[in-house]
Amino acid sequence: MAWFSLFLAGLFEMFGVAMINKLHKDRNLKSLILLIIGFGASFIILAYSMKTLPMGTAYAIWTGIGASGGAILGMLFYGEPKDWKRLIFITMVLCAAIGLKLVS
């Protein structure tokens, strides 16, 4: 259950990152509320998963999901470059996160 909650926390982190971009573009209360909900849920679920998982592993995986997911969302929805080099480094981050799970 801790690994599932950690993955869920990473998804909320991705949502929060997307809402930062939306708030930057729209500057409205709805975007701000969604940003707070996204990051708030992410931190709460991360804290729950850290009751079982080691802090360093949980934080690294949570950050990896958020960073990789944010970059992928940027490429898919916000017109950021889809350079093959970016994709290689995103893959490396995801592989590192999977590796941490395998050794934990």
N, C-alpha and C. Protein backbone atom coordinates (compact mmCIF):
# COMPACT_ATOMS: atom_id res chain seq x y z
N MET A 1 0.82 -1.20 0.00
CA MET A 1 0.00 0.00 0.00
C MET A 1 0.87 1.27 0.00
N ALA A 2 2.02 1.20 0.65
CA ALA A 2 2.89 2.38 0.72
C ALA A 2 3.42 2.76 -0.67
N TRP A 3 3.75 1.76 -1.49
CA TRP A 3 4.25 2.06 -2.83
C TRP A 3 3.16 2.66 -3.69
N PHE A 4 1.94 2.15 -3.56
CA PHE A 4 0.82 2.71 -4.32
C PHE A 4 0.57 4.16 -3.90
N SER A 5 0.59 4.41 -2.59
CA SER A 5 0.36 5.78 -2.11
C SER A 5 1.49 6.70 -2.56
N LEU A 6 2.71 6.20 -2.62
CA LEU A 6 3.82 7.01 -3.10
C LEU A 6 3.63 7.37 -4.57
N PHE A 7 3.18 6.41 -5.37
CA PHE A 7 2.90 6.68 -6.78
C PHE A 7 1.78 7.72 -6.90
N LEU A 8 0.75 7.57 -6.08
CA LEU A 8 -0.37 8.52 -6.09
C LEU A 8 0.11 9.92 -5.69
N ALA A 9 0.98 9.99 -4.70
CA ALA A 9 1.56 11.28 -4.30
C ALA A 9 2.33 11.91 -5.46
N GLY A 10 3.04 11.08 -6.22
CA GLY A 10 3.75 11.58 -7.39
C GLY A 10 2.81 12.12 -8.45
N LEU A 11 1.66 11.46 -8.63
CA LEU A 11 0.68 11.96 -9.59
C LEU A 11 0.10 13.30 -9.16
N PHE A 12 -0.16 13.45 -7.87
CA PHE A 12 -0.63 14.75 -7.38
C PHE A 12 0.46 15.81 -7.51
N GLU A 13 1.71 15.42 -7.38
CA GLU A 13 2.82 16.34 -7.59
C GLU A 13 2.82 16.82 -9.05
N MET A 14 2.61 15.89 -9.98
CA MET A 14 2.52 16.27 -11.39
C MET A 14 1.37 17.25 -11.61
N PHE A 15 0.23 16.97 -10.99
CA PHE A 15 -0.93 17.86 -11.12
C PHE A 15 -0.59 19.25 -10.58
N GLY A 16 0.08 19.29 -9.43
CA GLY A 16 0.47 20.58 -8.86
C GLY A 16 1.39 21.37 -9.78
N VAL A 17 2.33 20.67 -10.40
CA VAL A 17 3.25 21.33 -11.33
C VAL A 17 2.48 21.88 -12.53
N ALA A 18 1.53 21.11 -13.04
CA ALA A 18 0.71 21.58 -14.16
C ALA A 18 -0.11 22.81 -13.74
N MET A 19 -0.56 22.83 -12.50
CA MET A 19 -1.34 23.97 -12.03
C MET A 19 -0.48 25.22 -11.84
N ILE A 20 0.82 25.04 -11.56
CA ILE A 20 1.71 26.20 -11.53
C ILE A 20 1.71 26.88 -12.89
N ASN A 21 1.82 26.08 -13.94
CA ASN A 21 1.82 26.63 -15.30
C ASN A 21 0.48 27.29 -15.61
N LYS A 22 -0.62 26.64 -15.22
CA LYS A 22 -1.95 27.21 -15.46
C LYS A 22 -2.12 28.52 -14.70
N LEU A 23 -1.67 28.58 -13.46
CA LEU A 23 -1.78 29.80 -12.67
C LEU A 23 -0.94 30.91 -13.30
N HIS A 24 0.22 30.56 -13.80
CA HIS A 24 1.08 31.55 -14.45
C HIS A 24 0.38 32.16 -15.67
N LYS A 25 -0.38 31.35 -16.40
CA LYS A 25 -1.07 31.83 -17.60
C LYS A 25 -2.39 32.53 -17.29
N ASP A 26 -3.18 31.98 -16.37
CA ASP A 26 -4.53 32.47 -16.15
C ASP A 26 -4.66 33.48 -15.02
N ARG A 27 -3.89 33.33 -13.95
CA ARG A 27 -3.95 34.21 -12.78
C ARG A 27 -5.38 34.34 -12.24
N ASN A 28 -6.00 33.18 -11.94
CA ASN A 28 -7.33 33.22 -11.34
C ASN A 28 -7.37 32.37 -10.08
N LEU A 29 -8.43 32.54 -9.30
CA LEU A 29 -8.56 31.87 -8.02
C LEU A 29 -8.69 30.36 -8.19
N LYS A 30 -9.38 29.92 -9.23
CA LYS A 30 -9.56 28.48 -9.46
C LYS A 30 -8.21 27.79 -9.64
N SER A 31 -7.34 28.37 -10.42
CA SER A 31 -6.01 27.78 -10.65
C SER A 31 -5.21 27.73 -9.35
N LEU A 32 -5.31 28.77 -8.54
CA LEU A 32 -4.60 28.80 -7.27
C LEU A 32 -5.13 27.72 -6.32
N ILE A 33 -6.43 27.57 -6.25
CA ILE A 33 -7.03 26.56 -5.38
C ILE A 33 -6.63 25.16 -5.84
N LEU A 34 -6.65 24.91 -7.15
CA LEU A 34 -6.25 23.60 -7.66
C LEU A 34 -4.77 23.33 -7.38
N LEU A 35 -3.94 24.35 -7.47
CA LEU A 35 -2.52 24.20 -7.16
C LEU A 35 -2.34 23.80 -5.69
N ILE A 36 -3.04 24.48 -4.80
CA ILE A 36 -2.93 24.17 -3.37
C ILE A 36 -3.44 22.77 -3.08
N ILE A 37 -4.54 22.38 -3.70
CA ILE A 37 -5.08 21.03 -3.52
C ILE A 37 -4.09 19.98 -4.02
N GLY A 38 -3.53 20.21 -5.20
CA GLY A 38 -2.59 19.26 -5.79
C GLY A 38 -1.36 19.03 -4.91
N PHE A 39 -0.71 20.12 -4.52
CA PHE A 39 0.49 19.98 -3.69
C PHE A 39 0.15 19.52 -2.28
N GLY A 40 -0.97 20.01 -1.74
CA GLY A 40 -1.38 19.58 -0.40
C GLY A 40 -1.62 18.08 -0.34
N ALA A 41 -2.38 17.57 -1.31
CA ALA A 41 -2.64 16.12 -1.36
C ALA A 41 -1.34 15.36 -1.55
N SER A 42 -0.47 15.90 -2.38
CA SER A 42 0.81 15.24 -2.63
C SER A 42 1.63 15.10 -1.35
N PHE A 43 1.73 16.18 -0.59
CA PHE A 43 2.52 16.14 0.65
C PHE A 43 1.89 15.22 1.69
N ILE A 44 0.57 15.26 1.81
CA ILE A 44 -0.10 14.41 2.80
C ILE A 44 0.09 12.93 2.46
N ILE A 45 -0.08 12.59 1.19
CA ILE A 45 0.06 11.18 0.78
C ILE A 45 1.53 10.75 0.87
N LEU A 46 2.45 11.66 0.54
CA LEU A 46 3.87 11.35 0.70
C LEU A 46 4.19 11.05 2.17
N ALA A 47 3.68 11.86 3.07
CA ALA A 47 3.92 11.64 4.50
C ALA A 47 3.36 10.29 4.94
N TYR A 48 2.20 9.92 4.42
CA TYR A 48 1.62 8.62 4.75
C TYR A 48 2.52 7.48 4.28
N SER A 49 3.02 7.58 3.05
CA SER A 49 3.86 6.50 2.53
C SER A 49 5.20 6.43 3.26
N MET A 50 5.66 7.56 3.81
CA MET A 50 6.93 7.58 4.52
C MET A 50 6.83 6.94 5.92
N LYS A 51 5.63 6.59 6.34
CA LYS A 51 5.49 5.84 7.60
C LYS A 51 6.08 4.44 7.45
N THR A 52 6.08 3.94 6.21
CA THR A 52 6.58 2.59 5.94
C THR A 52 7.90 2.61 5.18
N LEU A 53 8.01 3.48 4.20
CA LEU A 53 9.19 3.51 3.32
C LEU A 53 10.27 4.41 3.89
N PRO A 54 11.54 4.10 3.58
CA PRO A 54 12.63 4.98 4.02
C PRO A 54 12.50 6.37 3.39
N MET A 55 12.82 7.39 4.17
CA MET A 55 12.66 8.76 3.72
C MET A 55 13.40 9.04 2.40
N GLY A 56 14.65 8.67 2.32
CA GLY A 56 15.44 8.96 1.13
C GLY A 56 14.86 8.32 -0.12
N THR A 57 14.46 7.08 -0.01
CA THR A 57 13.87 6.37 -1.16
C THR A 57 12.55 7.00 -1.55
N ALA A 58 11.68 7.24 -0.57
CA ALA A 58 10.36 7.80 -0.85
C ALA A 58 10.49 9.18 -1.50
N TYR A 59 11.35 10.01 -0.94
CA TYR A 59 11.50 11.36 -1.48
C TYR A 59 12.08 11.34 -2.89
N ALA A 60 13.07 10.50 -3.12
CA ALA A 60 13.69 10.43 -4.45
C ALA A 60 12.69 9.96 -5.49
N ILE A 61 11.89 8.97 -5.16
CA ILE A 61 10.91 8.46 -6.12
C ILE A 61 9.81 9.49 -6.35
N TRP A 62 9.33 10.11 -5.28
CA TRP A 62 8.30 11.14 -5.40
C TRP A 62 8.78 12.30 -6.28
N THR A 63 10.01 12.73 -6.04
CA THR A 63 10.59 13.81 -6.84
C THR A 63 10.77 13.39 -8.29
N GLY A 64 11.21 12.14 -8.50
CA GLY A 64 11.40 11.64 -9.86
C GLY A 64 10.10 11.58 -10.64
N ILE A 65 9.05 11.11 -9.99
CA ILE A 65 7.74 11.06 -10.65
C ILE A 65 7.27 12.47 -10.98
N GLY A 66 7.41 13.38 -10.03
CA GLY A 66 6.97 14.75 -10.26
C GLY A 66 7.77 15.45 -11.35
N ALA A 67 9.08 15.29 -11.32
CA ALA A 67 9.93 15.97 -12.31
C ALA A 67 9.73 15.38 -13.70
N SER A 68 9.75 14.06 -13.79
CA SER A 68 9.56 13.41 -15.10
C SER A 68 8.17 13.67 -15.62
N GLY A 69 7.19 13.51 -14.75
CA GLY A 69 5.81 13.73 -15.17
C GLY A 69 5.56 15.16 -15.59
N GLY A 70 6.15 16.12 -14.85
CA GLY A 70 6.00 17.51 -15.24
C GLY A 70 6.61 17.80 -16.60
N ALA A 71 7.78 17.22 -16.85
CA ALA A 71 8.42 17.40 -18.16
C ALA A 71 7.59 16.78 -19.28
N ILE A 72 7.03 15.60 -19.02
CA ILE A 72 6.19 14.94 -20.04
C ILE A 72 4.91 15.73 -20.28
N LEU A 73 4.28 16.21 -19.20
CA LEU A 73 3.08 17.04 -19.37
C LEU A 73 3.39 18.30 -20.17
N GLY A 74 4.55 18.89 -19.89
CA GLY A 74 4.96 20.08 -20.65
C GLY A 74 5.11 19.79 -22.13
N MET A 75 5.66 18.64 -22.44
CA MET A 75 5.84 18.27 -23.86
C MET A 75 4.49 17.97 -24.52
N LEU A 76 3.60 17.30 -23.80
CA LEU A 76 2.33 16.89 -24.39
C LEU A 76 1.32 18.03 -24.50
N PHE A 77 1.26 18.90 -23.48
CA PHE A 77 0.18 19.87 -23.44
C PHE A 77 0.61 21.33 -23.57
N TYR A 78 1.88 21.62 -23.37
CA TYR A 78 2.30 23.03 -23.34
C TYR A 78 3.35 23.37 -24.40
N GLY A 79 3.52 22.51 -25.37
CA GLY A 79 4.39 22.81 -26.50
C GLY A 79 5.88 22.87 -26.20
N GLU A 80 6.31 22.25 -25.11
CA GLU A 80 7.74 22.22 -24.82
C GLU A 80 8.44 21.29 -25.81
N PRO A 81 9.73 21.52 -26.06
CA PRO A 81 10.45 20.71 -27.04
C PRO A 81 10.45 19.22 -26.68
N LYS A 82 10.34 18.39 -27.71
CA LYS A 82 10.35 16.93 -27.54
C LYS A 82 11.67 16.35 -28.05
N ASP A 83 12.74 17.02 -27.73
CA ASP A 83 14.08 16.61 -28.16
C ASP A 83 14.41 15.23 -27.62
N TRP A 84 15.09 14.42 -28.42
CA TRP A 84 15.43 13.05 -28.00
C TRP A 84 16.32 13.05 -26.77
N LYS A 85 17.13 14.09 -26.61
CA LYS A 85 18.01 14.16 -25.43
C LYS A 85 17.17 14.30 -24.15
N ARG A 86 16.14 15.11 -24.21
CA ARG A 86 15.25 15.26 -23.05
C ARG A 86 14.60 13.93 -22.71
N LEU A 87 14.16 13.22 -23.72
CA LEU A 87 13.51 11.92 -23.49
C LEU A 87 14.48 10.91 -22.87
N ILE A 88 15.73 10.94 -23.27
CA ILE A 88 16.73 10.04 -22.69
C ILE A 88 16.92 10.35 -21.21
N PHE A 89 17.03 11.63 -20.86
CA PHE A 89 17.25 11.99 -19.45
C PHE A 89 16.01 11.73 -18.60
N ILE A 90 14.83 11.94 -19.15
CA ILE A 90 13.61 11.58 -18.43
C ILE A 90 13.58 10.08 -18.18
N THR A 91 13.96 9.30 -19.17
CA THR A 91 14.02 7.85 -19.01
C THR A 91 15.03 7.46 -17.93
N MET A 92 16.16 8.17 -17.88
CA MET A 92 17.16 7.88 -16.86
C MET A 92 16.61 8.15 -15.45
N VAL A 93 15.85 9.24 -15.30
CA VAL A 93 15.26 9.55 -14.00
C VAL A 93 14.28 8.45 -13.60
N LEU A 94 13.45 8.03 -14.54
CA LEU A 94 12.48 6.97 -14.24
C LEU A 94 13.17 5.65 -13.93
N CYS A 95 14.23 5.34 -14.66
CA CYS A 95 14.98 4.10 -14.37
C CYS A 95 15.62 4.16 -12.98
N ALA A 96 16.11 5.31 -12.60
CA ALA A 96 16.68 5.47 -11.27
C ALA A 96 15.62 5.24 -10.18
N ALA A 97 14.43 5.77 -10.40
CA ALA A 97 13.33 5.58 -9.45
C ALA A 97 12.96 4.11 -9.35
N ILE A 98 12.89 3.44 -10.49
CA ILE A 98 12.58 1.99 -10.49
C ILE A 98 13.70 1.23 -9.78
N GLY A 99 14.93 1.61 -10.03
CA GLY A 99 16.06 0.97 -9.36
C GLY A 99 15.99 1.12 -7.85
N LEU A 100 15.61 2.30 -7.37
CA LEU A 100 15.46 2.49 -5.93
C LEU A 100 14.38 1.59 -5.35
N LYS A 101 13.31 1.41 -6.10
CA LYS A 101 12.25 0.52 -5.63
C LYS A 101 12.75 -0.92 -5.57
N LEU A 102 13.54 -1.32 -6.55
CA LEU A 102 14.03 -2.70 -6.59
C LEU A 102 14.99 -3.00 -5.45
N VAL A 103 15.76 -2.02 -5.01
CA VAL A 103 16.72 -2.28 -3.94
C VAL A 103 16.17 -1.97 -2.55
N SER A 104 14.96 -1.44 -2.48
CA SER A 104 14.36 -1.10 -1.16
C SER A 104 13.54 -2.25 -0.63
